Amino acid sequence: MYKHVMLSMFHILSAFYFLCNKFYKNNFWKNLYFKKCF
């Protein structure tokens, strides 16, 4: 159960990281969301 939860959280974080890289290439958004993405 715990393994499944951690795996789900990992997928969520990976998806969020991907979205940050894909949609926040603009320097303004990149600087604004830098700490949230990394």
C-alpha atoms as a PDB file:
ATOM      1  CA  MET A   1       0.000   0.000   0.000  1.00  0.00           C
ATOM      2  CA  TYR A   2       2.719   2.470   0.941  1.00  0.00           C
ATOM      3  CA  LYS A   3       4.685   1.531  -2.151  1.00  0.00           C
ATOM      4  CA  HIS A   4       1.640   2.268  -4.319  1.00  0.00           C
ATOM      5  CA  VAL A   5       1.145   5.668  -2.656  1.00  0.00           C
ATOM      6  CA  MET A   6       4.770   6.631  -3.139  1.00  0.00           C
ATOM      7  CA  LEU A   7       4.654   5.490  -6.764  1.00  0.00           C
ATOM      8  CA  SER A   8       1.533   7.593  -7.344  1.00  0.00           C
ATOM      9  CA  MET A   9       3.185  10.638  -5.770  1.00  0.00           C
ATOM     10  CA  PHE A  10       6.247  10.081  -7.939  1.00  0.00           C
ATOM     11  CA  HIS A  11       4.075  10.028 -11.068  1.00  0.00           C
ATOM     12  CA  ILE A  12       2.313  13.219  -9.988  1.00  0.00           C
ATOM     13  CA  LEU A  13       5.640  14.976  -9.374  1.00  0.00           C
ATOM     14  CA  SER A  14       7.019  13.727 -12.694  1.00  0.00           C
ATOM     15  CA  ALA A  15       3.943  14.965 -14.542  1.00  0.00           C
ATOM     16  CA  PHE A  16       4.150  18.351 -12.800  1.00  0.00           C
ATOM     17  CA  TYR A  17       7.854  18.609 -13.656  1.00  0.00           C
ATOM     18  CA  PHE A  18       7.069  17.786 -17.288  1.00  0.00           C
ATOM     19  CA  LEU A  19       4.305  20.406 -17.407  1.00  0.00           C
ATOM     20  CA  CYS A  20       6.630  23.008 -15.918  1.00  0.00           C
ATOM     21  CA  ASN A  21       9.272  22.280 -18.550  1.00  0.00           C
ATOM     22  CA  LYS A  22       6.770  22.236 -21.392  1.00  0.00           C
ATOM     23  CA  PHE A  23       4.619  25.262 -20.600  1.00  0.00           C
ATOM     24  CA  TYR A  24       6.886  27.570 -18.606  1.00  0.00           C
ATOM     25  CA  LYS A  25       9.768  28.037 -21.052  1.00  0.00           C
ATOM     26  CA  ASN A  26       9.125  31.782 -20.882  1.00  0.00           C
ATOM     27  CA  ASN A  27      11.749  33.362 -18.607  1.00  0.00           C
ATOM     28  CA  PHE A  28       9.149  35.152 -16.482  1.00  0.00           C
ATOM     29  CA  TRP A  29       7.215  31.971 -15.732  1.00  0.00           C
ATOM     30  CA  LYS A  30      10.443  29.978 -15.458  1.00  0.00           C
ATOM     31  CA  ASN A  31      11.774  32.322 -12.759  1.00  0.00           C
ATOM     32  CA  LEU A  32       8.404  32.502 -11.018  1.00  0.00           C
ATOM     33  CA  TYR A  33       7.878  28.729 -10.882  1.00  0.00           C
ATOM     34  CA  PHE A  34      11.513  27.677 -10.579  1.00  0.00           C
ATOM     35  CA  LYS A  35      11.286  26.702  -6.903  1.00  0.00           C
ATOM     36  CA  LYS A  36       7.966  24.923  -7.435  1.00  0.00           C
ATOM     37  CA  CYS A  37       9.346  22.874 -10.330  1.00  0.00           C
ATOM     38  CA  PHE A  38      12.675  22.059  -8.737  1.00  0.00           C
END
